[in-house]
Amino acid sequence: MPIPRRRLAPLGAAVLVTAVGLSPAAAHHGWSWAEGEHTELRGTLREVYLGQPHPTLRVEVPGSGLWIVELAPPGRTSQAGFTAASAAAGDEVLILGSRSRQAGERRMKAVRLTVRGRTYDLYPERIRAAAR
């Protein structure tokens, strides 16, 4: 009996992950690429993307250029209150997060962002841990 097409993509992804020797958790990049300390980044939003695997912001930072800022997974970002109506290109944004460990890479994992006068704590447990 043939497998329905709608089931082939998840099955193919599982086979690929297994064939490469990674667990699904290892295939997800997590935090290993980011520094442990938090840094503030202030700039202008150029793009807001709220899809999978992580919502991202493209932020123009004066004197530094364009940064890619990863938010939490979509469900967690939404639980923090950040939705498509929360921000748009042209808005000023302040981000607290962990920069890439790779020198020169303009990439950050956000734990908190403030836009339009509202603060969104994406990873409140990481903010508290850093304050200790």
C-alpha atoms as a PDB file:
ATOM      1  CA  MET A   1       0.000   0.000   0.000  1.00  0.00           C
ATOM      2  CA  PRO A   2       1.538   3.374  -1.015  1.00  0.00           C
ATOM      3  CA  ILE A   3       2.253   6.074   1.596  1.00  0.00           C
ATOM      4  CA  PRO A   4       0.089   9.200   1.151  1.00  0.00           C
ATOM      5  CA  ARG A   5       2.077  12.222  -0.123  1.00  0.00           C
ATOM      6  CA  ARG A   6       1.273  14.347   2.930  1.00  0.00           C
ATOM      7  CA  ARG A   7       3.199  11.846   5.072  1.00  0.00           C
ATOM      8  CA  LEU A   8       6.306  11.692   2.888  1.00  0.00           C
ATOM      9  CA  ALA A   9       7.887  15.007   3.976  1.00  0.00           C
ATOM     10  CA  PRO A  10       7.949  14.240   7.731  1.00  0.00           C
ATOM     11  CA  LEU A  11       9.113  10.708   6.993  1.00  0.00           C
ATOM     12  CA  GLY A  12      11.873  12.023   4.713  1.00  0.00           C
ATOM     13  CA  ALA A  13      13.060  14.474   7.388  1.00  0.00           C
ATOM     14  CA  ALA A  14      13.193  11.697   9.983  1.00  0.00           C
ATOM     15  CA  VAL A  15      15.189   9.471   7.628  1.00  0.00           C
ATOM     16  CA  LEU A  16      17.606  12.314   6.835  1.00  0.00           C
ATOM     17  CA  VAL A  17      18.175  13.109  10.518  1.00  0.00           C
ATOM     18  CA  THR A  18      18.741   9.427  11.282  1.00  0.00           C
ATOM     19  CA  ALA A  19      21.002   8.890   8.257  1.00  0.00           C
ATOM     20  CA  VAL A  20      23.212  11.808   9.224  1.00  0.00           C
ATOM     21  CA  GLY A  21      23.437  10.444  12.752  1.00  0.00           C
ATOM     22  CA  LEU A  22      21.742  13.339  14.517  1.00  0.00           C
ATOM     23  CA  SER A  23      18.899  13.269  16.971  1.00  0.00           C
ATOM     24  CA  PRO A  24      16.091  15.758  16.279  1.00  0.00           C
ATOM     25  CA  ALA A  25      17.349  17.819  19.245  1.00  0.00           C
ATOM     26  CA  ALA A  26      20.882  17.944  17.827  1.00  0.00           C
ATOM     27  CA  ALA A  27      19.550  19.027  14.440  1.00  0.00           C
ATOM     28  CA  HIS A  28      18.107  22.123  16.133  1.00  0.00           C
ATOM     29  CA  HIS A  29      20.808  24.737  16.664  1.00  0.00           C
ATOM     30  CA  GLY A  30      19.696  25.880  20.152  1.00  0.00           C
ATOM     31  CA  TRP A  31      22.063  28.253  21.945  1.00  0.00           C
ATOM     32  CA  SER A  32      25.458  26.633  21.308  1.00  0.00           C
ATOM     33  CA  TRP A  33      26.354  29.207  18.638  1.00  0.00           C
ATOM     34  CA  ALA A  34      25.751  32.166  20.978  1.00  0.00           C
ATOM     35  CA  GLU A  35      27.834  33.778  23.718  1.00  0.00           C
ATOM     36  CA  GLY A  36      26.725  33.334  27.318  1.00  0.00           C
ATOM     37  CA  GLU A  37      26.756  37.043  28.175  1.00  0.00           C
ATOM     38  CA  HIS A  38      24.002  39.425  27.152  1.00  0.00           C
ATOM     39  CA  THR A  39      24.489  42.464  24.961  1.00  0.00           C
ATOM     40  CA  GLU A  40      22.101  45.260  23.987  1.00  0.00           C
ATOM     41  CA  LEU A  41      21.491  46.006  20.335  1.00  0.00           C
ATOM     42  CA  ARG A  42      19.574  49.111  19.240  1.00  0.00           C
ATOM     43  CA  GLY A  43      18.453  49.814  15.702  1.00  0.00           C
ATOM     44  CA  THR A  44      15.693  50.059  13.120  1.00  0.00           C
ATOM     45  CA  LEU A  45      13.622  47.081  12.030  1.00  0.00           C
ATOM     46  CA  ARG A  46      13.972  46.316   8.338  1.00  0.00           C
ATOM     47  CA  GLU A  47      12.010  43.044   8.325  1.00  0.00           C
ATOM     48  CA  VAL A  48       9.923  40.952  10.718  1.00  0.00           C
ATOM     49  CA  TYR A  49       9.489  37.222   9.999  1.00  0.00           C
ATOM     50  CA  LEU A  50       7.310  35.144  12.344  1.00  0.00           C
ATOM     51  CA  GLY A  51       7.505  31.690  10.722  1.00  0.00           C
ATOM     52  CA  GLN A  52       9.384  28.448  11.338  1.00  0.00           C
ATOM     53  CA  PRO A  53      11.853  27.397  12.590  1.00  0.00           C
ATOM     54  CA  HIS A  54      12.372  30.704  14.445  1.00  0.00           C
ATOM     55  CA  PRO A  55      10.900  34.115  13.966  1.00  0.00           C
ATOM     56  CA  THR A  56      13.636  36.555  12.997  1.00  0.00           C
ATOM     57  CA  LEU A  57      14.168  40.269  12.820  1.00  0.00           C
ATOM     58  CA  ARG A  58      16.488  42.069  10.429  1.00  0.00           C
ATOM     59  CA  VAL A  59      17.749  45.115  12.279  1.00  0.00           C
ATOM     60  CA  GLU A  60      19.791  47.976  10.818  1.00  0.00           C
ATOM     61  CA  VAL A  61      22.265  49.157  13.469  1.00  0.00           C
ATOM     62  CA  PRO A  62      23.979  52.524  12.922  1.00  0.00           C
ATOM     63  CA  GLY A  63      27.697  52.046  12.342  1.00  0.00           C
ATOM     64  CA  SER A  64      27.383  48.260  12.361  1.00  0.00           C
ATOM     65  CA  GLY A  65      25.096  47.289   9.485  1.00  0.00           C
ATOM     66  CA  LEU A  66      22.336  44.719   9.169  1.00  0.00           C
ATOM     67  CA  TRP A  67      21.887  42.183  11.991  1.00  0.00           C
ATOM     68  CA  ILE A  68      19.847  38.976  12.049  1.00  0.00           C
ATOM     69  CA  VAL A  69      18.101  38.529  15.394  1.00  0.00           C
ATOM     70  CA  GLU A  70      16.531  35.161  16.181  1.00  0.00           C
ATOM     71  CA  LEU A  71      13.535  35.141  18.478  1.00  0.00           C
ATOM     72  CA  ALA A  72      12.061  32.164  20.341  1.00  0.00           C
ATOM     73  CA  PRO A  73      10.131  29.466  18.462  1.00  0.00           C
ATOM     74  CA  PRO A  74       6.787  30.783  17.123  1.00  0.00           C
ATOM     75  CA  GLY A  75       4.635  29.471  19.986  1.00  0.00           C
ATOM     76  CA  ARG A  76       6.888  30.889  22.673  1.00  0.00           C
ATOM     77  CA  THR A  77       7.243  34.221  20.840  1.00  0.00           C
ATOM     78  CA  SER A  78       3.455  34.464  20.645  1.00  0.00           C
ATOM     79  CA  GLN A  79       3.094  33.536  24.347  1.00  0.00           C
ATOM     80  CA  ALA A  80       5.428  36.433  25.154  1.00  0.00           C
ATOM     81  CA  GLY A  81       2.885  38.671  23.386  1.00  0.00           C
ATOM     82  CA  PHE A  82       4.906  39.416  20.253  1.00  0.00           C
ATOM     83  CA  THR A  83       2.707  39.018  17.148  1.00  0.00           C
ATOM     84  CA  ALA A  84       2.530  40.367  13.596  1.00  0.00           C
ATOM     85  CA  ALA A  85       0.788  43.476  14.964  1.00  0.00           C
ATOM     86  CA  SER A  86       3.601  44.188  17.474  1.00  0.00           C
ATOM     87  CA  ALA A  87       6.178  45.659  15.102  1.00  0.00           C
ATOM     88  CA  ALA A  88       6.840  46.620  11.505  1.00  0.00           C
ATOM     89  CA  ALA A  89       9.669  47.764   9.282  1.00  0.00           C
ATOM     90  CA  GLY A  90      10.777  51.234  10.315  1.00  0.00           C
ATOM     91  CA  ASP A  91      10.154  50.752  14.049  1.00  0.00           C
ATOM     92  CA  GLU A  92      12.992  51.389  16.486  1.00  0.00           C
ATOM     93  CA  VAL A  93      13.881  48.315  18.547  1.00  0.00           C
ATOM     94  CA  LEU A  94      16.040  47.553  21.574  1.00  0.00           C
ATOM     95  CA  ILE A  95      17.142  43.930  21.913  1.00  0.00           C
ATOM     96  CA  LEU A  96      18.807  42.166  24.822  1.00  0.00           C
ATOM     97  CA  GLY A  97      20.411  38.919  23.774  1.00  0.00           C
ATOM     98  CA  SER A  98      23.441  36.774  23.113  1.00  0.00           C
ATOM     99  CA  ARG A  99      25.694  37.540  20.149  1.00  0.00           C
ATOM    100  CA  SER A 100      27.171  34.933  17.867  1.00  0.00           C
ATOM    101  CA  ARG A 101      30.437  33.404  19.091  1.00  0.00           C
ATOM    102  CA  GLN A 102      31.780  33.714  15.541  1.00  0.00           C
ATOM    103  CA  ALA A 103      33.783  36.925  15.266  1.00  0.00           C
ATOM    104  CA  GLY A 104      32.306  39.394  12.824  1.00  0.00           C
ATOM    105  CA  GLU A 105      28.969  37.587  12.426  1.00  0.00           C
ATOM    106  CA  ARG A 106      26.089  40.027  12.904  1.00  0.00           C
ATOM    107  CA  ARG A 107      23.697  37.554  14.498  1.00  0.00           C
ATOM    108  CA  MET A 108      22.025  37.506  17.905  1.00  0.00           C
ATOM    109  CA  LYS A 109      19.619  35.309  19.861  1.00  0.00           C
ATOM    110  CA  ALA A 110      17.121  37.600  21.633  1.00  0.00           C
ATOM    111  CA  VAL A 111      15.945  37.025  25.186  1.00  0.00           C
ATOM    112  CA  ARG A 112      14.066  40.335  25.413  1.00  0.00           C
ATOM    113  CA  LEU A 113      12.981  42.968  22.940  1.00  0.00           C
ATOM    114  CA  THR A 114      11.395  46.359  23.331  1.00  0.00           C
ATOM    115  CA  VAL A 115       9.491  47.965  20.483  1.00  0.00           C
ATOM    116  CA  ARG A 116       6.753  50.630  20.386  1.00  0.00           C
ATOM    117  CA  GLY A 117       7.187  51.127  24.139  1.00  0.00           C
ATOM    118  CA  ARG A 118       6.392  47.509  25.020  1.00  0.00           C
ATOM    119  CA  THR A 119       8.814  44.866  26.314  1.00  0.00           C
ATOM    120  CA  TYR A 120       8.579  41.209  25.305  1.00  0.00           C
ATOM    121  CA  ASP A 121      10.432  38.691  27.470  1.00  0.00           C
ATOM    122  CA  LEU A 122      11.021  35.717  25.178  1.00  0.00           C
ATOM    123  CA  TYR A 123      13.229  33.814  27.628  1.00  0.00           C
ATOM    124  CA  PRO A 124      12.572  35.322  31.096  1.00  0.00           C
ATOM    125  CA  GLU A 125      14.454  32.502  32.815  1.00  0.00           C
ATOM    126  CA  ARG A 126      17.623  33.437  30.902  1.00  0.00           C
ATOM    127  CA  ILE A 127      17.250  37.099  31.868  1.00  0.00           C
ATOM    128  CA  ARG A 128      17.013  36.192  35.566  1.00  0.00           C
ATOM    129  CA  ALA A 129      19.982  33.782  35.274  1.00  0.00           C
ATOM    130  CA  ALA A 130      22.153  36.501  33.712  1.00  0.00           C
ATOM    131  CA  ALA A 131      21.254  39.008  36.460  1.00  0.00           C
ATOM    132  CA  ARG A 132      22.652  36.750  39.202  1.00  0.00           C
END
